[in-house]
Amino acid sequence: MTQQTKETTDFGFQTVDKDDKQTMVARVFHSVASKYDLMNDLMSFGVHRIWKRYTIEASGVRRNQRVLDLAGGTGDLTAKFSRLVGENGEVVLADINDSMLKMGREKLRDHGIVGNVNYVQANAEELPFPDNHFDCITISFGLRNVTDKAKALRSMFRVLKPGGRLLVLEFSKPVLDPLSKIYDAYSFHILPRIGQVIVNDAESYRYLTESIRMHPDQETLKGMMEEAGFDQVTYTNMTGGIVALHKGFKF
């Protein structure tokens, strides 16, 4: 009998069984959930707030619309969308990780955001929503952790309404060589040390750094979105390409 070869994928710079990656990523985010917001501010020197503000502005979200904040974590985008859609709109904060989802729910409720926000534990590859359901979908710093990114993009396309838009905010590839060298030195040598001091977990932040390097570059991701069915796909580099915002429409 021929032994079936297991499919593999990347987990940072490691090659692992495809079936194991989801559990391994979950372990990382269970570890960092309680200090996730603090670490975001420390790691990006607060610039992540500017990246997210630009994403909100590019979303075109209006009153009474339905928005999916996928891999929404602690709910930074959800909070803004909740105010934009108003009491008759709906925002779904979805995350595969229950620890992150719990932190998001607690934070938003502490800020008085209730009523038009729902919380769903969901895998981006198999979204549990009807076809043509959302006016806008955002996924912020989450796509690189998805095992099958192409499958996830097809799933997002399915649940997006005709005329709706997807926005993917993600770490990308710096466009200037000197910046790339500085960024590498910071990412590989300083970030894990910050993770060790703040969260007592250098390994999780070493993985997060490696996962950024393994993520498709700007043009590759643009092509993947087009392959999934999205039209008029564009991207905007921010902070020299350290982060990019990809936008695509469903027509």
C-alpha atoms as a PDB file:
ATOM      1  CA  MET A   1       0.000   0.000   0.000  1.00  0.00           C
ATOM      2  CA  THR A   2       1.355   3.422  -0.986  1.00  0.00           C
ATOM      3  CA  GLN A   3       1.654   5.851   1.897  1.00  0.00           C
ATOM      4  CA  GLN A   4      -0.054   9.163   1.145  1.00  0.00           C
ATOM      5  CA  THR A   5       2.256  12.165   1.414  1.00  0.00           C
ATOM      6  CA  LYS A   6       0.933  14.889   3.696  1.00  0.00           C
ATOM      7  CA  GLU A   7       0.605  18.419   2.351  1.00  0.00           C
ATOM      8  CA  THR A   8       2.936  20.942   3.956  1.00  0.00           C
ATOM      9  CA  THR A   9       2.890  24.700   4.430  1.00  0.00           C
ATOM     10  CA  ASP A  10       4.958  27.382   6.107  1.00  0.00           C
ATOM     11  CA  PHE A  11       4.828  28.285   9.773  1.00  0.00           C
ATOM     12  CA  GLY A  12       7.222  31.183   9.791  1.00  0.00           C
ATOM     13  CA  PHE A  13      10.433  29.749   8.368  1.00  0.00           C
ATOM     14  CA  GLN A  14       9.464  26.202   9.348  1.00  0.00           C
ATOM     15  CA  THR A  15       7.772  23.712   7.054  1.00  0.00           C
ATOM     16  CA  VAL A  16       4.924  21.939   8.858  1.00  0.00           C
ATOM     17  CA  ASP A  17       2.014  19.645   8.022  1.00  0.00           C
ATOM     18  CA  LYS A  18      -0.795  21.730   6.559  1.00  0.00           C
ATOM     19  CA  ASP A  19      -3.243  20.228   9.051  1.00  0.00           C
ATOM     20  CA  ASP A  20      -1.115  21.415  11.989  1.00  0.00           C
ATOM     21  CA  LYS A  21      -0.673  25.096  11.106  1.00  0.00           C
ATOM     22  CA  GLN A  22      -4.044  26.294  12.384  1.00  0.00           C
ATOM     23  CA  THR A  23      -3.381  24.827  15.834  1.00  0.00           C
ATOM     24  CA  MET A  24       0.134  26.262  15.923  1.00  0.00           C
ATOM     25  CA  VAL A  25      -1.059  29.753  14.971  1.00  0.00           C
ATOM     26  CA  ALA A  26      -3.820  29.491  17.582  1.00  0.00           C
ATOM     27  CA  ARG A  27      -1.198  28.745  20.231  1.00  0.00           C
ATOM     28  CA  VAL A  28       0.669  31.935  19.279  1.00  0.00           C
ATOM     29  CA  PHE A  29      -2.395  34.163  19.601  1.00  0.00           C
ATOM     30  CA  HIS A  30      -3.592  32.522  22.817  1.00  0.00           C
ATOM     31  CA  SER A  31      -0.189  33.486  24.207  1.00  0.00           C
ATOM     32  CA  VAL A  32      -0.196  37.116  23.069  1.00  0.00           C
ATOM     33  CA  ALA A  33      -3.893  38.027  23.320  1.00  0.00           C
ATOM     34  CA  SER A  34      -3.823  39.757  26.713  1.00  0.00           C
ATOM     35  CA  LYS A  35      -1.036  42.172  25.679  1.00  0.00           C
ATOM     36  CA  TYR A  36      -1.891  42.375  21.973  1.00  0.00           C
ATOM     37  CA  ASP A  37      -2.871  46.059  21.895  1.00  0.00           C
ATOM     38  CA  LEU A  38       0.100  47.131  24.004  1.00  0.00           C
ATOM     39  CA  MET A  39       2.507  45.203  21.793  1.00  0.00           C
ATOM     40  CA  ASN A  40       0.990  46.723  18.645  1.00  0.00           C
ATOM     41  CA  ASP A  41       1.708  50.197  19.990  1.00  0.00           C
ATOM     42  CA  LEU A  42       5.231  49.278  21.071  1.00  0.00           C
ATOM     43  CA  MET A  43       6.166  47.385  17.900  1.00  0.00           C
ATOM     44  CA  SER A  44       4.893  50.008  15.463  1.00  0.00           C
ATOM     45  CA  PHE A  45       5.580  53.080  17.649  1.00  0.00           C
ATOM     46  CA  GLY A  46       1.836  53.718  17.391  1.00  0.00           C
ATOM     47  CA  VAL A  47       1.893  53.973  13.585  1.00  0.00           C
ATOM     48  CA  HIS A  48      -0.544  51.026  13.277  1.00  0.00           C
ATOM     49  CA  ARG A  49      -3.274  53.494  14.233  1.00  0.00           C
ATOM     50  CA  ILE A  50      -2.513  55.586  11.140  1.00  0.00           C
ATOM     51  CA  TRP A  51      -2.540  52.485   8.905  1.00  0.00           C
ATOM     52  CA  LYS A  52      -5.916  51.471  10.303  1.00  0.00           C
ATOM     53  CA  ARG A  53      -7.340  54.980   9.999  1.00  0.00           C
ATOM     54  CA  TYR A  54      -6.398  55.007   6.320  1.00  0.00           C
ATOM     55  CA  THR A  55      -8.119  51.625   5.895  1.00  0.00           C
ATOM     56  CA  ILE A  56     -11.316  52.984   7.437  1.00  0.00           C
ATOM     57  CA  GLU A  57     -11.219  55.976   5.099  1.00  0.00           C
ATOM     58  CA  ALA A  58     -10.668  53.713   2.071  1.00  0.00           C
ATOM     59  CA  SER A  59     -13.553  51.425   3.031  1.00  0.00           C
ATOM     60  CA  GLY A  60     -16.319  53.754   1.910  1.00  0.00           C
ATOM     61  CA  VAL A  61     -18.539  52.303   4.649  1.00  0.00           C
ATOM     62  CA  ARG A  62     -21.801  54.195   5.162  1.00  0.00           C
ATOM     63  CA  ARG A  63     -24.833  54.094   7.443  1.00  0.00           C
ATOM     64  CA  ASN A  64     -27.018  50.973   7.423  1.00  0.00           C
ATOM     65  CA  GLN A  65     -24.372  48.797   5.763  1.00  0.00           C
ATOM     66  CA  ARG A  66     -23.153  45.370   6.838  1.00  0.00           C
ATOM     67  CA  VAL A  67     -19.413  44.985   7.474  1.00  0.00           C
ATOM     68  CA  LEU A  68     -17.236  41.952   8.226  1.00  0.00           C
ATOM     69  CA  ASP A  69     -14.082  42.701  10.219  1.00  0.00           C
ATOM     70  CA  LEU A  70     -12.291  39.416   9.617  1.00  0.00           C
ATOM     71  CA  ALA A  71      -9.433  38.363  11.882  1.00  0.00           C
ATOM     72  CA  GLY A  72     -10.632  41.425  13.758  1.00  0.00           C
ATOM     73  CA  GLY A  73      -8.764  40.600  16.959  1.00  0.00           C
ATOM     74  CA  THR A  74      -9.308  43.195  19.638  1.00  0.00           C
ATOM     75  CA  GLY A  75     -11.713  45.210  17.512  1.00  0.00           C
ATOM     76  CA  ASP A  76      -9.894  48.416  16.524  1.00  0.00           C
ATOM     77  CA  LEU A  77     -11.587  48.517  13.108  1.00  0.00           C
ATOM     78  CA  THR A  78     -14.881  47.177  14.429  1.00  0.00           C
ATOM     79  CA  ALA A  79     -15.160  50.097  16.855  1.00  0.00           C
ATOM     80  CA  LYS A  80     -14.844  52.608  14.018  1.00  0.00           C
ATOM     81  CA  PHE A  81     -17.192  50.700  11.707  1.00  0.00           C
ATOM     82  CA  SER A  82     -19.807  50.438  14.472  1.00  0.00           C
ATOM     83  CA  ARG A  83     -20.085  54.220  14.550  1.00  0.00           C
ATOM     84  CA  LEU A  84     -20.111  54.544  10.752  1.00  0.00           C
ATOM     85  CA  VAL A  85     -22.937  52.054  10.080  1.00  0.00           C
ATOM     86  CA  GLY A  86     -25.178  53.386  12.859  1.00  0.00           C
ATOM     87  CA  GLU A  87     -27.794  51.558  14.872  1.00  0.00           C
ATOM     88  CA  ASN A  88     -29.464  50.016  11.807  1.00  0.00           C
ATOM     89  CA  GLY A  89     -26.217  48.715  10.354  1.00  0.00           C
ATOM     90  CA  GLU A  90     -24.259  45.657  11.453  1.00  0.00           C
ATOM     91  CA  VAL A  91     -20.606  44.875  12.059  1.00  0.00           C
ATOM     92  CA  VAL A  92     -19.434  41.303  12.524  1.00  0.00           C
ATOM     93  CA  LEU A  93     -16.150  40.909  14.398  1.00  0.00           C
ATOM     94  CA  ALA A  94     -14.888  37.484  13.335  1.00  0.00           C
ATOM     95  CA  ASP A  95     -11.723  35.747  14.465  1.00  0.00           C
ATOM     96  CA  ILE A  96     -10.642  32.126  14.443  1.00  0.00           C
ATOM     97  CA  ASN A  97      -9.021  32.510  17.866  1.00  0.00           C
ATOM     98  CA  ASP A  98     -11.375  32.508  20.834  1.00  0.00           C
ATOM     99  CA  SER A  99      -8.875  34.301  23.103  1.00  0.00           C
ATOM    100  CA  MET A 100      -8.608  37.198  20.670  1.00  0.00           C
ATOM    101  CA  LEU A 101     -12.375  37.262  20.184  1.00  0.00           C
ATOM    102  CA  LYS A 102     -12.897  37.408  23.945  1.00  0.00           C
ATOM    103  CA  MET A 103     -10.454  40.325  24.264  1.00  0.00           C
ATOM    104  CA  GLY A 104     -12.242  42.163  21.455  1.00  0.00           C
ATOM    105  CA  ARG A 105     -15.677  41.647  22.979  1.00  0.00           C
ATOM    106  CA  GLU A 106     -14.543  42.819  26.422  1.00  0.00           C
ATOM    107  CA  LYS A 107     -12.756  45.887  25.050  1.00  0.00           C
ATOM    108  CA  LEU A 108     -15.632  47.039  22.862  1.00  0.00           C
ATOM    109  CA  ARG A 109     -18.226  46.524  25.578  1.00  0.00           C
ATOM    110  CA  ASP A 110     -16.036  48.453  28.032  1.00  0.00           C
ATOM    111  CA  HIS A 111     -16.158  51.302  25.501  1.00  0.00           C
ATOM    112  CA  GLY A 112     -19.952  51.104  25.326  1.00  0.00           C
ATOM    113  CA  ILE A 113     -20.067  49.584  21.848  1.00  0.00           C
ATOM    114  CA  VAL A 114     -23.058  47.257  21.847  1.00  0.00           C
ATOM    115  CA  GLY A 115     -26.148  46.694  19.771  1.00  0.00           C
ATOM    116  CA  ASN A 116     -24.862  46.665  16.213  1.00  0.00           C
ATOM    117  CA  VAL A 117     -21.812  44.407  16.702  1.00  0.00           C
ATOM    118  CA  ASN A 118     -21.915  40.620  16.581  1.00  0.00           C
ATOM    119  CA  TYR A 119     -19.055  38.255  17.428  1.00  0.00           C
ATOM    120  CA  VAL A 120     -18.384  35.093  15.442  1.00  0.00           C
ATOM    121  CA  GLN A 121     -15.585  32.569  15.777  1.00  0.00           C
ATOM    122  CA  ALA A 122     -14.847  31.738  12.152  1.00  0.00           C
ATOM    123  CA  ASN A 123     -12.201  30.284   9.861  1.00  0.00           C
ATOM    124  CA  ALA A 124     -11.474  32.658   6.961  1.00  0.00           C
ATOM    125  CA  GLU A 125     -11.236  29.674   4.607  1.00  0.00           C
ATOM    126  CA  GLU A 126     -14.828  28.593   5.313  1.00  0.00           C
ATOM    127  CA  LEU A 127     -16.827  31.658   6.318  1.00  0.00           C
ATOM    128  CA  PRO A 128     -20.176  30.719   7.925  1.00  0.00           C
ATOM    129  CA  PHE A 129     -22.196  33.439   6.179  1.00  0.00           C
ATOM    130  CA  PRO A 130     -24.626  33.470   3.228  1.00  0.00           C
ATOM    131  CA  ASP A 131     -23.585  34.418  -0.282  1.00  0.00           C
ATOM    132  CA  ASN A 132     -23.648  38.141  -1.163  1.00  0.00           C
ATOM    133  CA  HIS A 133     -24.045  39.182   2.474  1.00  0.00           C
ATOM    134  CA  PHE A 134     -21.580  42.007   3.287  1.00  0.00           C
ATOM    135  CA  ASP A 135     -21.082  45.461   1.807  1.00  0.00           C
ATOM    136  CA  CYS A 136     -17.462  45.550   2.945  1.00  0.00           C
ATOM    137  CA  ILE A 137     -14.914  43.064   4.294  1.00  0.00           C
ATOM    138  CA  THR A 138     -11.659  44.004   5.978  1.00  0.00           C
ATOM    139  CA  ILE A 139      -8.878  41.709   7.113  1.00  0.00           C
ATOM    140  CA  SER A 140      -6.175  43.521   9.038  1.00  0.00           C
ATOM    141  CA  PHE A 141      -2.845  41.805   9.772  1.00  0.00           C
ATOM    142  CA  GLY A 142      -4.551  38.422   9.586  1.00  0.00           C
ATOM    143  CA  LEU A 143      -4.208  37.034   6.065  1.00  0.00           C
ATOM    144  CA  ARG A 144      -0.574  36.018   6.516  1.00  0.00           C
ATOM    145  CA  ASN A 145      -1.619  33.621   9.295  1.00  0.00           C
ATOM    146  CA  VAL A 146      -4.208  31.829   7.139  1.00  0.00           C
ATOM    147  CA  THR A 147      -3.124  28.381   5.963  1.00  0.00           C
ATOM    148  CA  ASP A 148      -4.767  28.487   2.513  1.00  0.00           C
ATOM    149  CA  LYS A 149      -4.849  32.150   1.514  1.00  0.00           C
ATOM    150  CA  ALA A 150      -6.322  31.508  -1.953  1.00  0.00           C
ATOM    151  CA  LYS A 151      -9.209  29.556  -0.432  1.00  0.00           C
ATOM    152  CA  ALA A 152      -9.808  32.327   2.112  1.00  0.00           C
ATOM    153  CA  LEU A 153      -9.923  34.976  -0.623  1.00  0.00           C
ATOM    154  CA  ARG A 154     -12.484  32.910  -2.545  1.00  0.00           C
ATOM    155  CA  SER A 155     -14.546  32.579   0.634  1.00  0.00           C
ATOM    156  CA  MET A 156     -14.456  36.347   1.146  1.00  0.00           C
ATOM    157  CA  PHE A 157     -15.488  36.904  -2.468  1.00  0.00           C
ATOM    158  CA  ARG A 158     -18.481  34.575  -2.016  1.00  0.00           C
ATOM    159  CA  VAL A 159     -19.915  36.399   1.024  1.00  0.00           C
ATOM    160  CA  LEU A 160     -19.336  39.889  -0.392  1.00  0.00           C
ATOM    161  CA  LYS A 161     -22.253  41.615  -2.108  1.00  0.00           C
ATOM    162  CA  PRO A 162     -21.960  42.671  -5.757  1.00  0.00           C
ATOM    163  CA  GLY A 163     -20.569  46.197  -5.627  1.00  0.00           C
ATOM    164  CA  GLY A 164     -18.874  45.483  -2.307  1.00  0.00           C
ATOM    165  CA  ARG A 165     -15.190  45.825  -1.574  1.00  0.00           C
ATOM    166  CA  LEU A 166     -12.477  43.862   0.217  1.00  0.00           C
ATOM    167  CA  LEU A 167      -9.609  45.607   1.987  1.00  0.00           C
ATOM    168  CA  VAL A 168      -6.528  43.640   3.020  1.00  0.00           C
ATOM    169  CA  LEU A 169      -4.212  45.520   5.375  1.00  0.00           C
ATOM    170  CA  GLU A 170      -1.037  43.529   5.841  1.00  0.00           C
ATOM    171  CA  PHE A 171       2.693  43.745   6.351  1.00  0.00           C
ATOM    172  CA  SER A 172       4.408  43.619   2.986  1.00  0.00           C
ATOM    173  CA  LYS A 173       7.768  44.152   1.290  1.00  0.00           C
ATOM    174  CA  PRO A 174       9.680  47.438   1.776  1.00  0.00           C
ATOM    175  CA  VAL A 175      10.375  49.171  -1.520  1.00  0.00           C
ATOM    176  CA  LEU A 176      13.697  50.742  -0.502  1.00  0.00           C
ATOM    177  CA  ASP A 177      16.749  48.567   0.148  1.00  0.00           C
ATOM    178  CA  PRO A 178      18.166  50.649   3.046  1.00  0.00           C
ATOM    179  CA  LEU A 179      14.756  50.578   4.768  1.00  0.00           C
ATOM    180  CA  SER A 180      14.579  46.827   4.227  1.00  0.00           C
ATOM    181  CA  LYS A 181      17.891  46.310   6.057  1.00  0.00           C
ATOM    182  CA  ILE A 182      16.866  48.473   9.002  1.00  0.00           C
ATOM    183  CA  TYR A 183      13.488  46.732   9.133  1.00  0.00           C
ATOM    184  CA  ASP A 184      15.120  43.284   9.159  1.00  0.00           C
ATOM    185  CA  ALA A 185      17.478  44.235  11.974  1.00  0.00           C
ATOM    186  CA  TYR A 186      14.601  45.620  14.027  1.00  0.00           C
ATOM    187  CA  SER A 187      12.267  42.688  13.310  1.00  0.00           C
ATOM    188  CA  PHE A 188      14.654  39.825  13.978  1.00  0.00           C
ATOM    189  CA  HIS A 189      16.719  41.226  16.826  1.00  0.00           C
ATOM    190  CA  ILE A 190      14.579  43.715  18.729  1.00  0.00           C
ATOM    191  CA  LEU A 191      10.965  42.543  18.388  1.00  0.00           C
ATOM    192  CA  PRO A 192      11.522  39.115  19.985  1.00  0.00           C
ATOM    193  CA  ARG A 193      13.253  40.832  22.916  1.00  0.00           C
ATOM    194  CA  ILE A 194      10.285  43.178  23.379  1.00  0.00           C
ATOM    195  CA  GLY A 195       8.011  40.119  23.255  1.00  0.00           C
ATOM    196  CA  GLN A 196      10.116  38.424  25.915  1.00  0.00           C
ATOM    197  CA  VAL A 197       9.983  41.437  28.244  1.00  0.00           C
ATOM    198  CA  ILE A 198       6.292  42.315  27.803  1.00  0.00           C
ATOM    199  CA  VAL A 199       4.632  38.946  27.184  1.00  0.00           C
ATOM    200  CA  ASN A 200       7.358  36.568  28.376  1.00  0.00           C
ATOM    201  CA  ASP A 201       7.215  34.999  24.916  1.00  0.00           C
ATOM    202  CA  ALA A 202       9.975  35.702  22.411  1.00  0.00           C
ATOM    203  CA  GLU A 203       9.099  32.716  20.222  1.00  0.00           C
ATOM    204  CA  SER A 204       5.626  33.960  19.283  1.00  0.00           C
ATOM    205  CA  TYR A 205       7.045  37.264  18.097  1.00  0.00           C
ATOM    206  CA  ARG A 206       9.824  35.473  16.243  1.00  0.00           C
ATOM    207  CA  TYR A 207       7.097  33.537  14.409  1.00  0.00           C
ATOM    208  CA  LEU A 208       5.148  36.728  13.662  1.00  0.00           C
ATOM    209  CA  THR A 209       8.280  38.290  12.171  1.00  0.00           C
ATOM    210  CA  GLU A 210       8.969  35.200  10.066  1.00  0.00           C
ATOM    211  CA  SER A 211       5.343  35.031   8.910  1.00  0.00           C
ATOM    212  CA  ILE A 212       5.658  38.569   7.548  1.00  0.00           C
ATOM    213  CA  ARG A 213       8.677  37.544   5.459  1.00  0.00           C
ATOM    214  CA  MET A 214       6.796  34.523   4.093  1.00  0.00           C
ATOM    215  CA  HIS A 215       3.723  36.541   3.108  1.00  0.00           C
ATOM    216  CA  PRO A 216       3.258  37.241  -0.629  1.00  0.00           C
ATOM    217  CA  ASP A 217       4.626  40.560  -1.850  1.00  0.00           C
ATOM    218  CA  GLN A 218       2.391  43.343  -3.143  1.00  0.00           C
ATOM    219  CA  GLU A 219       2.128  42.204  -6.752  1.00  0.00           C
ATOM    220  CA  THR A 220       1.694  38.538  -5.843  1.00  0.00           C
ATOM    221  CA  LEU A 221      -1.175  39.291  -3.466  1.00  0.00           C
ATOM    222  CA  LYS A 222      -2.768  41.526  -6.099  1.00  0.00           C
ATOM    223  CA  GLY A 223      -2.681  38.585  -8.507  1.00  0.00           C
ATOM    224  CA  MET A 224      -4.150  36.235  -5.901  1.00  0.00           C
ATOM    225  CA  MET A 225      -7.071  38.604  -5.332  1.00  0.00           C
ATOM    226  CA  GLU A 226      -7.698  38.813  -9.063  1.00  0.00           C
ATOM    227  CA  GLU A 227      -7.548  35.030  -9.322  1.00  0.00           C
ATOM    228  CA  ALA A 228     -10.190  34.812  -6.575  1.00  0.00           C
ATOM    229  CA  GLY A 229     -12.529  36.967  -8.699  1.00  0.00           C
ATOM    230  CA  PHE A 230     -11.909  40.515  -7.482  1.00  0.00           C
ATOM    231  CA  ASP A 231     -11.873  43.385  -9.985  1.00  0.00           C
ATOM    232  CA  GLN A 232     -10.056  46.723 -10.012  1.00  0.00           C
ATOM    233  CA  VAL A 233      -7.497  45.433  -7.516  1.00  0.00           C
ATOM    234  CA  THR A 234      -5.070  48.116  -6.378  1.00  0.00           C
ATOM    235  CA  TYR A 235      -2.678  48.555  -3.491  1.00  0.00           C
ATOM    236  CA  THR A 236      -1.194  51.463  -1.581  1.00  0.00           C
ATOM    237  CA  ASN A 237       2.198  51.189   0.093  1.00  0.00           C
ATOM    238  CA  MET A 238       2.509  52.777   3.509  1.00  0.00           C
ATOM    239  CA  THR A 239       5.664  53.456   5.513  1.00  0.00           C
ATOM    240  CA  GLY A 240       7.809  52.597   2.505  1.00  0.00           C
ATOM    241  CA  GLY A 241       6.023  49.337   1.789  1.00  0.00           C
ATOM    242  CA  ILE A 242       6.415  47.879   5.285  1.00  0.00           C
ATOM    243  CA  VAL A 243       2.617  47.759   5.152  1.00  0.00           C
ATOM    244  CA  ALA A 244       0.340  47.701   2.118  1.00  0.00           C
ATOM    245  CA  LEU A 245      -3.412  48.133   1.775  1.00  0.00           C
ATOM    246  CA  HIS A 246      -4.902  46.057  -1.056  1.00  0.00           C
ATOM    247  CA  LYS A 247      -8.395  46.890  -2.276  1.00  0.00           C
ATOM    248  CA  GLY A 248     -10.599  44.904  -4.646  1.00  0.00           C
ATOM    249  CA  PHE A 249     -14.239  44.988  -5.750  1.00  0.00           C
ATOM    250  CA  LYS A 250     -16.850  42.362  -6.532  1.00  0.00           C
ATOM    251  CA  PHE A 251     -18.936  43.251  -9.598  1.00  0.00           C
END
